[in-house]
Amino acid sequence: MAASTWQTNATAVSTARAGACADLAGAAARLSTRAQSYTKAAADYTATDQHGAVQFTVLVPR
């Protein structure tokens, strides 16, 4: 028995939805990974900056 036009369209929409959901999940995962990298970089920068400030005040007393 041949599928009706409605069934064919419903299948196509369902397939497209599944692909879009997978693409969105992948993009969200990449965004999360990038955000974690930026958070780590900010923490590292802050620690380095604070260490540099301490070293500077040791070398150049007020």
N, C-alpha and C. Protein backbone atom coordinates (compact mmCIF):
# COMPACT_ATOMS: atom_id res chain seq x y z
N MET A 1 0.85 -1.17 0.00
CA MET A 1 0.00 0.00 0.00
C MET A 1 0.89 1.24 0.00
N ALA A 2 0.61 2.14 -0.88
CA ALA A 2 1.41 3.36 -1.01
C ALA A 2 1.06 4.33 0.12
N ALA A 3 2.07 5.05 0.56
CA ALA A 3 1.86 6.06 1.60
C ALA A 3 1.15 7.27 1.01
N SER A 4 0.29 7.85 1.80
CA SER A 4 -0.41 9.05 1.34
C SER A 4 0.55 10.24 1.37
N THR A 5 0.15 11.30 0.70
CA THR A 5 0.95 12.53 0.70
C THR A 5 1.13 13.03 2.12
N TRP A 6 0.08 12.94 2.92
CA TRP A 6 0.14 13.41 4.30
C TRP A 6 1.17 12.61 5.09
N GLN A 7 1.17 11.28 4.92
CA GLN A 7 2.13 10.42 5.62
C GLN A 7 3.56 10.72 5.17
N THR A 8 3.74 10.93 3.89
CA THR A 8 5.06 11.25 3.36
C THR A 8 5.56 12.57 3.93
N ASN A 9 4.69 13.58 3.96
CA ASN A 9 5.06 14.88 4.50
C ASN A 9 5.36 14.79 6.00
N ALA A 10 4.56 14.03 6.73
CA ALA A 10 4.78 13.88 8.17
C ALA A 10 6.13 13.21 8.43
N THR A 11 6.47 12.23 7.63
CA THR A 11 7.76 11.56 7.78
C THR A 11 8.91 12.52 7.48
N ALA A 12 8.75 13.31 6.43
CA ALA A 12 9.80 14.28 6.08
C ALA A 12 9.97 15.32 7.18
N VAL A 13 8.88 15.79 7.74
CA VAL A 13 8.95 16.78 8.82
C VAL A 13 9.59 16.17 10.05
N SER A 14 9.23 14.95 10.37
CA SER A 14 9.81 14.26 11.53
C SER A 14 11.31 14.07 11.36
N THR A 15 11.73 13.69 10.17
CA THR A 15 13.16 13.51 9.89
C THR A 15 13.91 14.84 9.99
N ALA A 16 13.32 15.89 9.45
CA ALA A 16 13.95 17.22 9.52
C ALA A 16 14.04 17.69 10.96
N ARG A 17 13.00 17.43 11.75
CA ARG A 17 13.01 17.82 13.16
C ARG A 17 14.12 17.10 13.92
N ALA A 18 14.28 15.81 13.67
CA ALA A 18 15.32 15.04 14.34
C ALA A 18 16.71 15.59 13.99
N GLY A 19 16.90 15.91 12.72
CA GLY A 19 18.19 16.48 12.30
C GLY A 19 18.44 17.83 12.94
N ALA A 20 17.41 18.66 13.00
CA ALA A 20 17.56 20.00 13.61
C ALA A 20 17.85 19.89 15.09
N CYS A 21 17.21 18.94 15.77
CA CYS A 21 17.47 18.74 17.20
C CYS A 21 18.91 18.29 17.43
N ALA A 22 19.40 17.41 16.59
CA ALA A 22 20.78 16.95 16.71
C ALA A 22 21.75 18.11 16.47
N ASP A 23 21.47 18.94 15.46
CA ASP A 23 22.32 20.09 15.18
C ASP A 23 22.32 21.06 16.36
N LEU A 24 21.15 21.29 16.93
CA LEU A 24 21.04 22.21 18.06
C LEU A 24 21.78 21.67 19.27
N ALA A 25 21.67 20.38 19.53
CA ALA A 25 22.38 19.77 20.65
C ALA A 25 23.89 19.89 20.46
N GLY A 26 24.35 19.68 19.24
CA GLY A 26 25.78 19.82 18.96
C GLY A 26 26.26 21.24 19.15
N ALA A 27 25.48 22.20 18.68
CA ALA A 27 25.84 23.61 18.85
C ALA A 27 25.86 24.00 20.32
N ALA A 28 24.90 23.51 21.08
CA ALA A 28 24.86 23.81 22.52
C ALA A 28 26.07 23.22 23.23
N ALA A 29 26.47 22.03 22.85
CA ALA A 29 27.65 21.40 23.46
C ALA A 29 28.91 22.20 23.14
N ARG A 30 29.04 22.65 21.89
CA ARG A 30 30.22 23.45 21.53
C ARG A 30 30.23 24.77 22.28
N LEU A 31 29.07 25.39 22.42
CA LEU A 31 28.97 26.65 23.15
C LEU A 31 29.34 26.46 24.61
N SER A 32 28.89 25.37 25.20
CA SER A 32 29.20 25.08 26.60
C SER A 32 30.71 24.87 26.78
N THR A 33 31.32 24.13 25.87
CA THR A 33 32.77 23.90 25.94
C THR A 33 33.54 25.21 25.81
N ARG A 34 33.11 26.06 24.89
CA ARG A 34 33.77 27.36 24.70
C ARG A 34 33.61 28.23 25.94
N ALA A 35 32.43 28.22 26.54
CA ALA A 35 32.19 29.01 27.75
C ALA A 35 33.08 28.53 28.89
N GLN A 36 33.25 27.23 29.01
CA GLN A 36 34.13 26.69 30.05
C GLN A 36 35.57 27.12 29.81
N SER A 37 35.99 27.15 28.55
CA SER A 37 37.35 27.60 28.23
C SER A 37 37.54 29.06 28.60
N TYR A 38 36.55 29.89 28.29
CA TYR A 38 36.63 31.31 28.62
C TYR A 38 36.65 31.52 30.13
N THR A 39 35.86 30.74 30.86
CA THR A 39 35.83 30.85 32.32
C THR A 39 37.19 30.49 32.90
N LYS A 40 37.80 29.42 32.39
CA LYS A 40 39.13 29.01 32.87
C LYS A 40 40.16 30.07 32.52
N ALA A 41 40.10 30.60 31.32
CA ALA A 41 41.05 31.64 30.91
C ALA A 41 40.92 32.87 31.79
N ALA A 42 39.70 33.25 32.12
CA ALA A 42 39.49 34.41 32.99
C ALA A 42 40.05 34.17 34.38
N ALA A 43 39.85 32.97 34.91
CA ALA A 43 40.38 32.64 36.24
C ALA A 43 41.91 32.63 36.22
N ASP A 44 42.49 32.05 35.17
CA ASP A 44 43.95 32.03 35.05
C ASP A 44 44.51 33.44 34.93
N TYR A 45 43.86 34.27 34.14
CA TYR A 45 44.32 35.66 33.97
C TYR A 45 44.27 36.40 35.30
N THR A 46 43.18 36.23 36.04
CA THR A 46 43.04 36.91 37.32
C THR A 46 44.13 36.48 38.29
N ALA A 47 44.39 35.18 38.36
CA ALA A 47 45.44 34.68 39.26
C ALA A 47 46.80 35.21 38.85
N THR A 48 47.09 35.21 37.56
CA THR A 48 48.38 35.72 37.07
C THR A 48 48.50 37.22 37.34
N ASP A 49 47.43 37.95 37.12
CA ASP A 49 47.43 39.39 37.34
C ASP A 49 47.66 39.71 38.82
N GLN A 50 47.00 38.98 39.70
CA GLN A 50 47.18 39.20 41.14
C GLN A 50 48.60 38.85 41.57
N HIS A 51 49.13 37.76 41.03
CA HIS A 51 50.50 37.38 41.35
C HIS A 51 51.47 38.45 40.87
N GLY A 52 51.25 38.97 39.68
CA GLY A 52 52.11 40.03 39.15
C GLY A 52 52.04 41.29 40.00
N ALA A 53 50.86 41.61 40.49
CA ALA A 53 50.71 42.79 41.34
C ALA A 53 51.48 42.61 42.65
N VAL A 54 51.44 41.43 43.22
CA VAL A 54 52.18 41.15 44.45
C VAL A 54 53.68 41.27 44.19
N GLN A 55 54.14 40.68 43.10
CA GLN A 55 55.56 40.75 42.77
C GLN A 55 56.00 42.19 42.55
N PHE A 56 55.17 42.98 41.89
CA PHE A 56 55.50 44.38 41.64
C PHE A 56 55.62 45.16 42.94
N THR A 57 54.68 44.94 43.86
CA THR A 57 54.74 45.68 45.12
C THR A 57 55.93 45.25 45.97
N VAL A 58 56.40 44.03 45.80
CA VAL A 58 57.61 43.59 46.50
C VAL A 58 58.82 44.31 45.92
N LEU A 59 58.86 44.43 44.60
CA LEU A 59 60.01 45.06 43.94
C LEU A 59 59.99 46.58 44.08
N VAL A 60 58.83 47.16 44.09
CA VAL A 60 58.70 48.62 44.15
C VAL A 60 57.90 48.98 45.41
N PRO A 61 58.61 49.17 46.52
CA PRO A 61 57.89 49.50 47.76
C PRO A 61 57.24 50.87 47.66
N ARG A 62 56.20 51.06 48.42
CA ARG A 62 55.49 52.34 48.40
C ARG A 62 56.18 53.35 49.25
